[in-house]
Amino acid sequence: NLFGYNEELNEAELGVTIGDKAYWRKGIAYTGCKAVIDYAFNTLKYNRLYIETGATNIPAQRLFQKLGFVHSKDSIEENGFKWVIMDATNTQ
C-alpha cells in the first residue's frame, strides 16, 4: 500500500504485508510491490517512494533492494526499536 503522501515533496511511503507464512518467498510481495511502484512512478508521477523497516528485517531489506531501493539513512532508533530507511526515486 501507499500512505503518508506528501504533496509538497510528491512522495509517499510504501508498505507490504503478507500475513500468511504459507505465501512467503513465493514472489507475491515482489510482484505486488513492483506493480504499485510502477503505478506510483508512471501514472501518479511521484518523485520518491520510501520504506521504513526494522533493522533486523533482512528479508524485507532484500526485497526492496531487489526492487531498486537503496539505504537512504542509517538506522534510526525510536522507542528502543531500530529502523532502516530505504528509498527509490523516479528516474523518468
N, C-alpha and C. Protein backbone atom coordinates (compact mmCIF):
# COMPACT_ATOMS: atom_id res chain seq x y z
N ASN A 1 0.83 -1.18 0.00
CA ASN A 1 0.00 0.00 0.00
C ASN A 1 0.87 1.25 0.00
N LEU A 2 0.31 2.34 -0.45
CA LEU A 2 0.96 3.65 -0.39
C LEU A 2 0.25 4.46 0.68
N PHE A 3 1.01 5.17 1.49
CA PHE A 3 0.40 6.00 2.52
C PHE A 3 1.34 7.14 2.86
N GLY A 4 0.84 8.08 3.64
CA GLY A 4 1.65 9.21 4.07
C GLY A 4 2.09 10.09 2.92
N TYR A 5 1.22 10.25 1.92
CA TYR A 5 1.58 11.06 0.76
C TYR A 5 1.90 12.48 1.18
N ASN A 6 3.05 12.97 0.73
CA ASN A 6 3.49 14.35 0.99
C ASN A 6 3.37 15.11 -0.32
N GLU A 7 2.35 15.95 -0.42
CA GLU A 7 2.08 16.68 -1.65
C GLU A 7 3.21 17.64 -2.01
N GLU A 8 3.79 18.27 -1.01
CA GLU A 8 4.87 19.24 -1.24
C GLU A 8 6.10 18.56 -1.87
N LEU A 9 6.46 17.39 -1.37
CA LEU A 9 7.62 16.66 -1.87
C LEU A 9 7.25 15.64 -2.96
N ASN A 10 5.95 15.43 -3.16
CA ASN A 10 5.45 14.47 -4.14
C ASN A 10 6.07 13.08 -3.90
N GLU A 11 5.91 12.60 -2.67
CA GLU A 11 6.45 11.31 -2.28
C GLU A 11 5.50 10.62 -1.32
N ALA A 12 5.68 9.32 -1.16
CA ALA A 12 4.84 8.54 -0.25
C ALA A 12 5.65 7.37 0.29
N GLU A 13 5.12 6.80 1.36
CA GLU A 13 5.72 5.61 1.94
C GLU A 13 5.03 4.38 1.37
N LEU A 14 5.79 3.34 1.17
CA LEU A 14 5.29 2.08 0.63
C LEU A 14 5.37 1.03 1.72
N GLY A 15 4.36 0.20 1.80
CA GLY A 15 4.38 -0.88 2.78
C GLY A 15 3.80 -2.14 2.18
N VAL A 16 4.24 -3.27 2.70
CA VAL A 16 3.72 -4.56 2.24
C VAL A 16 3.65 -5.51 3.43
N THR A 17 2.58 -6.28 3.47
CA THR A 17 2.44 -7.31 4.50
C THR A 17 1.83 -8.55 3.86
N ILE A 18 2.51 -9.66 4.02
CA ILE A 18 1.96 -10.96 3.63
C ILE A 18 1.80 -11.71 4.94
N GLY A 19 0.59 -11.75 5.46
CA GLY A 19 0.35 -12.28 6.79
C GLY A 19 0.50 -13.78 6.92
N ASP A 20 0.08 -14.53 5.92
CA ASP A 20 0.12 -15.98 5.98
C ASP A 20 1.49 -16.48 5.53
N LYS A 21 2.23 -17.07 6.42
CA LYS A 21 3.59 -17.53 6.11
C LYS A 21 3.63 -18.54 4.97
N ALA A 22 2.53 -19.19 4.68
CA ALA A 22 2.48 -20.15 3.57
C ALA A 22 2.73 -19.45 2.23
N TYR A 23 2.54 -18.13 2.20
CA TYR A 23 2.72 -17.38 0.96
C TYR A 23 4.03 -16.60 0.92
N TRP A 24 4.85 -16.73 1.94
CA TRP A 24 6.15 -16.06 1.95
C TRP A 24 7.08 -16.76 0.96
N ARG A 25 8.00 -15.99 0.40
CA ARG A 25 9.04 -16.50 -0.51
C ARG A 25 8.48 -17.15 -1.78
N LYS A 26 7.35 -16.62 -2.24
CA LYS A 26 6.74 -17.11 -3.47
C LYS A 26 6.70 -16.03 -4.54
N GLY A 27 7.28 -14.85 -4.26
CA GLY A 27 7.31 -13.78 -5.24
C GLY A 27 6.09 -12.88 -5.22
N ILE A 28 5.16 -13.12 -4.30
CA ILE A 28 3.93 -12.33 -4.24
C ILE A 28 4.23 -10.89 -3.83
N ALA A 29 5.04 -10.71 -2.81
CA ALA A 29 5.37 -9.34 -2.36
C ALA A 29 6.12 -8.59 -3.46
N TYR A 30 7.05 -9.27 -4.12
CA TYR A 30 7.80 -8.62 -5.20
C TYR A 30 6.85 -8.18 -6.32
N THR A 31 6.00 -9.08 -6.77
CA THR A 31 5.08 -8.78 -7.86
C THR A 31 4.12 -7.64 -7.49
N GLY A 32 3.56 -7.71 -6.30
CA GLY A 32 2.64 -6.67 -5.85
C GLY A 32 3.32 -5.32 -5.70
N CYS A 33 4.49 -5.31 -5.07
CA CYS A 33 5.22 -4.05 -4.89
C CYS A 33 5.66 -3.47 -6.22
N LYS A 34 6.10 -4.32 -7.12
CA LYS A 34 6.54 -3.86 -8.44
C LYS A 34 5.39 -3.14 -9.15
N ALA A 35 4.19 -3.70 -9.08
CA ALA A 35 3.02 -3.08 -9.72
C ALA A 35 2.71 -1.72 -9.08
N VAL A 36 2.77 -1.64 -7.76
CA VAL A 36 2.48 -0.38 -7.06
C VAL A 36 3.55 0.66 -7.38
N ILE A 37 4.81 0.25 -7.40
CA ILE A 37 5.91 1.16 -7.71
C ILE A 37 5.77 1.70 -9.13
N ASP A 38 5.50 0.82 -10.07
CA ASP A 38 5.31 1.26 -11.46
C ASP A 38 4.15 2.24 -11.56
N TYR A 39 3.05 1.96 -10.88
CA TYR A 39 1.89 2.85 -10.90
C TYR A 39 2.23 4.20 -10.26
N ALA A 40 2.90 4.16 -9.12
CA ALA A 40 3.24 5.41 -8.42
C ALA A 40 4.16 6.30 -9.25
N PHE A 41 5.15 5.70 -9.92
CA PHE A 41 6.09 6.48 -10.71
C PHE A 41 5.56 6.84 -12.09
N ASN A 42 4.89 5.93 -12.76
CA ASN A 42 4.50 6.16 -14.15
C ASN A 42 3.13 6.81 -14.32
N THR A 43 2.20 6.53 -13.42
CA THR A 43 0.86 7.10 -13.53
C THR A 43 0.68 8.30 -12.60
N LEU A 44 1.04 8.12 -11.34
CA LEU A 44 0.88 9.21 -10.37
C LEU A 44 2.02 10.23 -10.45
N LYS A 45 3.13 9.84 -11.08
CA LYS A 45 4.29 10.70 -11.27
C LYS A 45 4.94 11.13 -9.95
N TYR A 46 4.93 10.24 -8.95
CA TYR A 46 5.60 10.53 -7.68
C TYR A 46 7.09 10.67 -7.94
N ASN A 47 7.74 11.52 -7.14
CA ASN A 47 9.19 11.71 -7.24
C ASN A 47 9.96 10.64 -6.48
N ARG A 48 9.40 10.21 -5.35
CA ARG A 48 10.15 9.33 -4.45
C ARG A 48 9.19 8.44 -3.69
N LEU A 49 9.61 7.20 -3.47
CA LEU A 49 8.94 6.28 -2.57
C LEU A 49 9.97 5.84 -1.53
N TYR A 50 9.52 5.61 -0.32
CA TYR A 50 10.44 5.14 0.71
C TYR A 50 9.75 4.11 1.59
N ILE A 51 10.57 3.34 2.27
CA ILE A 51 10.06 2.36 3.23
C ILE A 51 10.81 2.54 4.54
N GLU A 52 10.17 2.15 5.60
CA GLU A 52 10.80 2.03 6.91
C GLU A 52 10.58 0.59 7.34
N THR A 53 11.65 -0.09 7.66
CA THR A 53 11.52 -1.47 8.12
C THR A 53 12.47 -1.69 9.28
N GLY A 54 12.17 -2.68 10.07
CA GLY A 54 13.04 -2.99 11.20
C GLY A 54 14.44 -3.33 10.74
N ALA A 55 15.42 -2.89 11.50
CA ALA A 55 16.83 -3.13 11.14
C ALA A 55 17.14 -4.63 11.07
N THR A 56 16.38 -5.43 11.77
CA THR A 56 16.62 -6.88 11.75
C THR A 56 15.78 -7.60 10.70
N ASN A 57 14.94 -6.85 9.98
CA ASN A 57 14.09 -7.46 8.96
C ASN A 57 14.85 -7.55 7.63
N ILE A 58 15.80 -8.46 7.60
CA ILE A 58 16.66 -8.63 6.43
C ILE A 58 15.87 -9.07 5.19
N PRO A 59 14.87 -9.96 5.32
CA PRO A 59 14.10 -10.32 4.13
C PRO A 59 13.43 -9.11 3.46
N ALA A 60 12.88 -8.20 4.25
CA ALA A 60 12.26 -7.00 3.67
C ALA A 60 13.30 -6.12 3.00
N GLN A 61 14.45 -5.98 3.64
CA GLN A 61 15.51 -5.16 3.04
C GLN A 61 15.98 -5.76 1.71
N ARG A 62 16.09 -7.07 1.65
CA ARG A 62 16.49 -7.74 0.40
C ARG A 62 15.42 -7.55 -0.68
N LEU A 63 14.16 -7.67 -0.29
CA LEU A 63 13.07 -7.47 -1.23
C LEU A 63 13.16 -6.09 -1.87
N PHE A 64 13.30 -5.07 -1.02
CA PHE A 64 13.31 -3.71 -1.55
C PHE A 64 14.60 -3.39 -2.30
N GLN A 65 15.70 -4.00 -1.93
CA GLN A 65 16.92 -3.84 -2.74
C GLN A 65 16.70 -4.41 -4.13
N LYS A 66 16.05 -5.57 -4.19
CA LYS A 66 15.73 -6.19 -5.47
C LYS A 66 14.82 -5.30 -6.31
N LEU A 67 14.00 -4.50 -5.65
CA LEU A 67 13.08 -3.58 -6.33
C LEU A 67 13.74 -2.24 -6.65
N GLY A 68 15.03 -2.09 -6.35
CA GLY A 68 15.75 -0.87 -6.70
C GLY A 68 15.87 0.16 -5.60
N PHE A 69 15.45 -0.18 -4.39
CA PHE A 69 15.56 0.74 -3.26
C PHE A 69 16.98 0.68 -2.70
N VAL A 70 17.44 1.80 -2.17
CA VAL A 70 18.76 1.87 -1.54
C VAL A 70 18.60 2.46 -0.15
N HIS A 71 19.54 2.13 0.72
CA HIS A 71 19.52 2.71 2.07
C HIS A 71 19.73 4.20 1.96
N SER A 72 18.79 4.96 2.48
CA SER A 72 18.91 6.41 2.40
C SER A 72 19.35 7.03 3.72
N LYS A 73 19.17 6.30 4.78
CA LYS A 73 19.60 6.78 6.10
C LYS A 73 20.11 5.58 6.88
N ASP A 74 21.03 5.86 7.78
CA ASP A 74 21.45 4.82 8.71
C ASP A 74 20.27 4.47 9.60
N SER A 75 20.41 3.41 10.32
CA SER A 75 19.36 3.02 11.25
C SER A 75 19.03 4.16 12.19
N ILE A 76 17.75 4.35 12.41
CA ILE A 76 17.31 5.33 13.39
C ILE A 76 16.63 4.56 14.52
N GLU A 77 16.75 5.08 15.71
CA GLU A 77 16.16 4.39 16.85
C GLU A 77 14.97 5.18 17.35
N GLU A 78 13.90 4.45 17.60
CA GLU A 78 12.67 5.07 18.09
C GLU A 78 12.08 4.13 19.14
N ASN A 79 11.99 4.60 20.35
CA ASN A 79 11.44 3.80 21.44
C ASN A 79 12.16 2.46 21.59
N GLY A 80 13.47 2.46 21.40
CA GLY A 80 14.26 1.26 21.57
C GLY A 80 14.24 0.32 20.38
N PHE A 81 13.59 0.71 19.31
CA PHE A 81 13.49 -0.12 18.10
C PHE A 81 14.26 0.55 16.98
N LYS A 82 15.10 -0.21 16.29
CA LYS A 82 15.90 0.36 15.20
C LYS A 82 15.19 0.16 13.86
N TRP A 83 15.17 1.24 13.08
CA TRP A 83 14.54 1.24 11.76
C TRP A 83 15.57 1.54 10.69
N VAL A 84 15.35 0.97 9.52
CA VAL A 84 16.16 1.26 8.34
C VAL A 84 15.24 1.98 7.35
N ILE A 85 15.73 3.05 6.76
CA ILE A 85 15.00 3.81 5.75
C ILE A 85 15.64 3.52 4.40
N MET A 86 14.80 3.12 3.45
CA MET A 86 15.27 2.85 2.08
C MET A 86 14.37 3.64 1.14
N ASP A 87 14.93 4.08 0.01
CA ASP A 87 14.09 4.81 -0.93
C ASP A 87 14.45 4.51 -2.37
N ALA A 88 13.52 4.88 -3.23
CA ALA A 88 13.69 4.80 -4.68
C ALA A 88 13.15 6.10 -5.26
N THR A 89 13.81 6.60 -6.28
CA THR A 89 13.35 7.83 -6.91
C THR A 89 12.93 7.56 -8.34
N ASN A 90 12.04 8.39 -8.82
CA ASN A 90 11.53 8.27 -10.18
C ASN A 90 12.59 8.80 -11.13
N THR A 91 13.06 7.95 -12.00
CA THR A 91 14.12 8.34 -12.93
C THR A 91 13.59 8.68 -14.32
N GLN A 92 12.26 8.73 -14.44
CA GLN A 92 11.68 9.01 -15.75
C GLN A 92 11.26 10.45 -15.87
